[in-house]
Amino acid sequence: MATLCGSVGFEGSLLNPKCGLDGNYHKMFLVEVIGTFLFVSVNVNIIYNNGSTEIILNAIIIGMALTLGIFIAAPTSGGAINPGVGLV
């Protein structure tokens, strides 16, 4: 768990773990849910609305959504894009 806490998990050294001891689990879970929702909603939108006629454009959009989700979640939970990380 300590490796998934990112900048919130440790302050200064590896000998002073603070992951979850100050109530960061709910933040980790919320950020993971937001990142996962963003990524899944873009994928579902492309699948059910047929996306673009060019496959490479769809791949770029999905990759950008995943990158944005990781950038949102990385400082808090390590950017796993999996709400189970915040629960465990």
Protein backbone atom coordinates (compact mmCIF):
# COMPACT_ATOMS: atom_id res chain seq x y z
CA MET A 1 0.00 0.00 0.00
CA ALA A 2 2.84 2.37 0.75
CA THR A 3 4.03 2.31 -2.84
CA LEU A 4 0.56 3.27 -4.08
CA CYS A 5 0.15 6.34 -1.90
CA GLY A 6 2.29 8.60 -4.05
CA SER A 7 3.03 12.04 -2.67
CA VAL A 8 0.36 11.70 0.02
CA GLY A 9 1.82 8.48 1.42
CA PHE A 10 5.18 9.61 2.72
CA GLU A 11 6.44 12.89 4.02
CA GLY A 12 10.19 13.15 3.90
CA SER A 13 11.40 9.60 4.39
CA LEU A 14 10.38 6.00 3.93
CA LEU A 15 10.60 5.46 7.68
CA ASN A 16 7.67 7.77 8.37
CA PRO A 17 4.68 6.17 6.58
CA LYS A 18 1.47 8.17 6.71
CA CYS A 19 -0.64 6.30 4.18
CA GLY A 20 -4.15 5.95 5.50
CA LEU A 21 -3.26 6.93 9.05
CA ASP A 22 -4.50 10.44 8.48
CA GLY A 23 -7.63 9.49 6.55
CA ASN A 24 -6.34 9.31 2.98
CA TYR A 25 -8.19 6.11 2.07
CA HIS A 26 -11.36 7.95 1.14
CA LYS A 27 -9.34 10.33 -1.04
CA MET A 28 -7.62 7.42 -2.75
CA PHE A 29 -10.93 5.69 -3.42
CA LEU A 30 -12.62 8.85 -4.72
CA VAL A 31 -9.74 9.71 -7.06
CA GLU A 32 -9.60 6.15 -8.39
CA VAL A 33 -13.38 6.20 -9.03
CA ILE A 34 -13.10 9.50 -10.92
CA GLY A 35 -10.19 8.29 -13.05
CA THR A 36 -11.90 4.98 -13.80
CA PHE A 37 -15.18 6.70 -14.63
CA LEU A 38 -13.42 9.00 -17.08
CA PHE A 39 -11.62 6.15 -18.82
CA VAL A 40 -14.62 3.81 -18.99
CA SER A 41 -17.05 6.51 -20.12
CA VAL A 42 -14.79 7.47 -23.03
CA ASN A 43 -14.46 3.81 -24.05
CA VAL A 44 -18.21 3.19 -23.84
CA ASN A 45 -18.92 6.39 -25.77
CA ILE A 46 -16.61 5.33 -28.58
CA ILE A 47 -18.04 1.79 -28.70
CA TYR A 48 -21.74 2.66 -28.63
CA ASN A 49 -21.60 5.86 -30.67
CA ASN A 50 -19.31 4.25 -33.27
CA GLY A 51 -16.56 6.79 -32.60
CA SER A 52 -14.60 7.94 -35.59
CA THR A 53 -14.35 6.11 -38.88
CA GLU A 54 -10.57 6.15 -38.51
CA ILE A 55 -9.41 3.55 -36.00
CA ILE A 56 -6.19 5.40 -35.18
CA LEU A 57 -8.17 8.43 -33.99
CA ASN A 58 -10.22 6.23 -31.65
CA ALA A 59 -7.01 4.73 -30.25
CA ILE A 60 -5.52 8.18 -29.67
CA ILE A 61 -8.65 9.37 -27.85
CA ILE A 62 -8.70 6.27 -25.62
CA GLY A 63 -5.00 6.73 -24.88
CA MET A 64 -5.51 10.37 -24.00
CA ALA A 65 -8.40 9.46 -21.66
CA LEU A 66 -6.23 6.87 -19.91
CA THR A 67 -3.37 9.35 -19.63
CA LEU A 68 -5.68 11.98 -18.14
CA GLY A 69 -7.09 9.47 -15.66
CA ILE A 70 -3.58 8.50 -14.59
CA PHE A 71 -2.55 12.15 -14.22
CA ILE A 72 -5.59 12.76 -12.02
CA ALA A 73 -5.01 9.71 -9.80
CA ALA A 74 -1.20 9.55 -9.68
CA PRO A 75 -0.52 12.12 -6.93
CA THR A 76 -2.97 10.49 -4.54
CA SER A 77 -3.04 6.77 -5.24
CA GLY A 78 -0.33 6.02 -7.76
CA GLY A 79 -2.61 6.07 -10.79
CA ALA A 80 -3.80 2.46 -10.85
CA ILE A 81 -7.18 3.41 -12.37
CA ASN A 82 -8.84 0.72 -10.26
CA PRO A 83 -11.17 1.66 -7.36
CA GLY A 84 -10.24 -1.59 -5.64
CA VAL A 85 -6.87 -0.02 -4.84
CA GLY A 86 -8.59 2.53 -2.62
CA LEU A 87 -10.62 -0.17 -0.86
CA VAL A 88 -7.73 -2.49 -0.14
